[in-house]
Each structure stands twice: as structure tokens, then as C-alpha cells.
Amino acid sequence: MMKPNFYNLVIVSPGDPRILKFHISRRVIMILIVAFLVSFLVTVAVGYTISRLESRSSEGARLLRTENQTLQVENKNAMIRNQKLQAQLDDIEKRSERVTTLLESD
């Protein structure tokens, strides 16, 4: 028994009286199979690459959040130190004024 060199694809629509006939050769079938496999492999490769890039970017975002939190804590600590230094400076200025007034009164 010989293998057929081409196949017929017949499409019949229930609402349309026309009949569509396609003659498909073995070569066309092989080309379609190869095209499907290539497109599938490209899709898998792109999906794998994108997922790796997303994991890298999510790791980078996590590192940025951690660094941001650290900088916020350092900023708050610096503000508290500034407030303490300002209070000490105010106290020293008051003492300096007292010493000045005491020296002037003598």
C-alpha cells in the first residue's frame, strides 16, 4: 500500500451552502509541524527568560526596600541626635548668658 502524496481537508458549515476544500501535501504538513515545534520552543525559551528576569528584578526590589528602610532608620536617628544637640546647645547658651550677666554685674 502506497502512502498518499496529499490529503484533502473539507470544511462544511451548517449555515453556509459552500464547501471549502483544501489540498494539503505531505511537505506542507511537515512544514506546519516544524513551524509549530519551533514556535513552541521559542515560546518556552522566552517564558523562561522572562521569569528569570522577573526573579532578578524582584530580588533587586527587595534589596531596594531593605536599603530604603535602613536609610529611613538612619535618618530618624540623625534627627534625634540633632534634637539632642540642639537641646545641649540651648543649655550651653543659657549658661553662657548667665555667666555673662554674672561677669557684668561684678
Protein backbone atom coordinates (compact mmCIF):
# COMPACT_ATOMS: atom_id res chain seq x y z
CA MET A 1 0.00 0.00 0.00
CA MET A 2 1.40 3.38 -1.01
CA LYS A 3 1.28 6.43 1.19
CA PRO A 4 -0.78 9.29 -0.27
CA ASN A 5 1.12 12.30 -1.56
CA PHE A 6 -1.55 14.76 -0.49
CA TYR A 7 -4.57 14.96 1.77
CA ASN A 8 -7.90 16.70 1.32
CA LEU A 9 -9.40 18.85 4.05
CA VAL A 10 -13.08 19.54 3.54
CA ILE A 11 -14.85 22.16 5.67
CA VAL A 12 -18.64 22.17 5.69
CA SER A 13 -20.51 24.89 7.55
CA PRO A 14 -24.06 24.07 8.69
CA GLY A 15 -25.38 27.55 7.85
CA ASP A 16 -23.41 28.10 4.64
CA PRO A 17 -24.09 26.03 1.48
CA ARG A 18 -20.49 26.47 0.30
CA ILE A 19 -17.98 23.70 0.83
CA LEU A 20 -14.33 24.61 1.32
CA LYS A 21 -11.77 22.12 0.02
CA PHE A 22 -8.06 22.29 0.77
CA HIS A 23 -5.45 20.04 -0.77
CA ILE A 24 -2.56 19.58 1.65
CA SER A 25 0.63 17.81 0.63
CA ARG A 26 2.94 15.86 2.92
CA ARG A 27 5.54 18.59 2.56
CA VAL A 28 3.11 21.25 3.81
CA ILE A 29 2.19 19.03 6.77
CA MET A 30 5.86 18.61 7.66
CA ILE A 31 6.43 22.38 7.36
CA LEU A 32 3.45 23.04 9.67
CA ILE A 33 4.74 20.53 12.23
CA VAL A 34 8.24 22.05 12.17
CA ALA A 35 6.81 25.58 12.44
CA PHE A 36 4.69 24.51 15.43
CA LEU A 37 7.68 22.92 17.18
CA VAL A 38 9.91 25.95 16.55
CA SER A 39 7.27 28.39 17.78
CA PHE A 40 6.62 26.23 20.86
CA LEU A 41 10.33 26.07 21.73
CA VAL A 42 10.73 29.83 21.21
CA THR A 43 7.73 30.47 23.47
CA VAL A 44 9.17 28.24 26.20
CA ALA A 45 12.58 29.93 25.92
CA VAL A 46 11.08 33.43 26.10
CA GLY A 47 8.92 32.44 29.08
CA TYR A 48 11.93 31.00 30.88
CA THR A 49 13.99 34.12 30.19
CA ILE A 50 11.24 36.47 31.35
CA SER A 51 10.69 34.51 34.55
CA ARG A 52 14.42 34.70 35.32
CA LEU A 53 14.42 38.45 34.68
CA GLU A 54 11.38 38.91 36.93
CA SER A 55 13.04 36.96 39.72
CA ARG A 56 16.12 39.16 39.39
CA SER A 57 14.05 42.33 39.40
CA SER A 58 12.03 41.14 42.41
CA GLU A 59 15.29 40.43 44.24
CA GLY A 60 16.52 43.89 43.31
CA ALA A 61 13.26 45.42 44.54
CA ARG A 62 13.62 43.55 47.83
CA LEU A 63 17.17 44.86 48.22
CA LEU A 64 15.98 48.39 47.48
CA ARG A 65 13.21 48.11 50.09
CA THR A 66 15.72 46.89 52.67
CA GLU A 67 18.13 49.71 51.86
CA ASN A 68 15.27 52.22 51.99
CA GLN A 69 14.23 51.01 55.44
CA THR A 70 17.84 51.22 56.65
CA LEU A 71 18.17 54.77 55.35
CA GLN A 72 14.88 55.78 56.99
CA VAL A 73 16.12 54.44 60.34
CA GLU A 74 19.43 56.27 59.93
CA ASN A 75 17.52 59.46 59.03
CA LYS A 76 15.35 59.19 62.16
CA ASN A 77 18.44 58.54 64.31
CA ALA A 78 20.13 61.60 62.81
CA MET A 79 17.05 63.73 63.57
CA ILE A 80 17.04 62.53 67.19
CA ARG A 81 20.78 63.31 67.52
CA ASN A 82 20.16 66.78 66.05
CA GLN A 83 17.37 67.41 68.56
CA LYS A 84 19.65 66.34 71.44
CA LEU A 85 22.47 68.52 70.15
CA GLN A 86 20.07 71.45 69.79
CA ALA A 87 18.92 70.96 73.38
CA GLN A 88 22.54 70.85 74.58
CA LEU A 89 23.33 73.95 72.54
CA ASP A 90 20.36 75.80 74.06
CA ASP A 91 21.52 74.77 77.54
CA ILE A 92 25.07 75.98 76.84
CA GLU A 93 23.74 79.30 75.50
CA LYS A 94 21.65 79.81 78.65
CA ARG A 95 24.69 79.06 80.85
CA SER A 96 26.78 81.41 78.74
CA GLU A 97 24.20 84.17 79.21
CA ARG A 98 24.21 83.56 82.99
CA VAL A 99 27.99 83.69 83.11
CA THR A 100 27.97 86.87 81.02
CA THR A 101 25.38 88.52 83.28
CA LEU A 102 27.31 87.44 86.39
CA LEU A 103 30.56 88.84 84.99
CA GLU A 104 28.87 92.12 84.05
CA SER A 105 27.28 92.51 87.48
CA ASP A 106 30.62 92.10 89.27
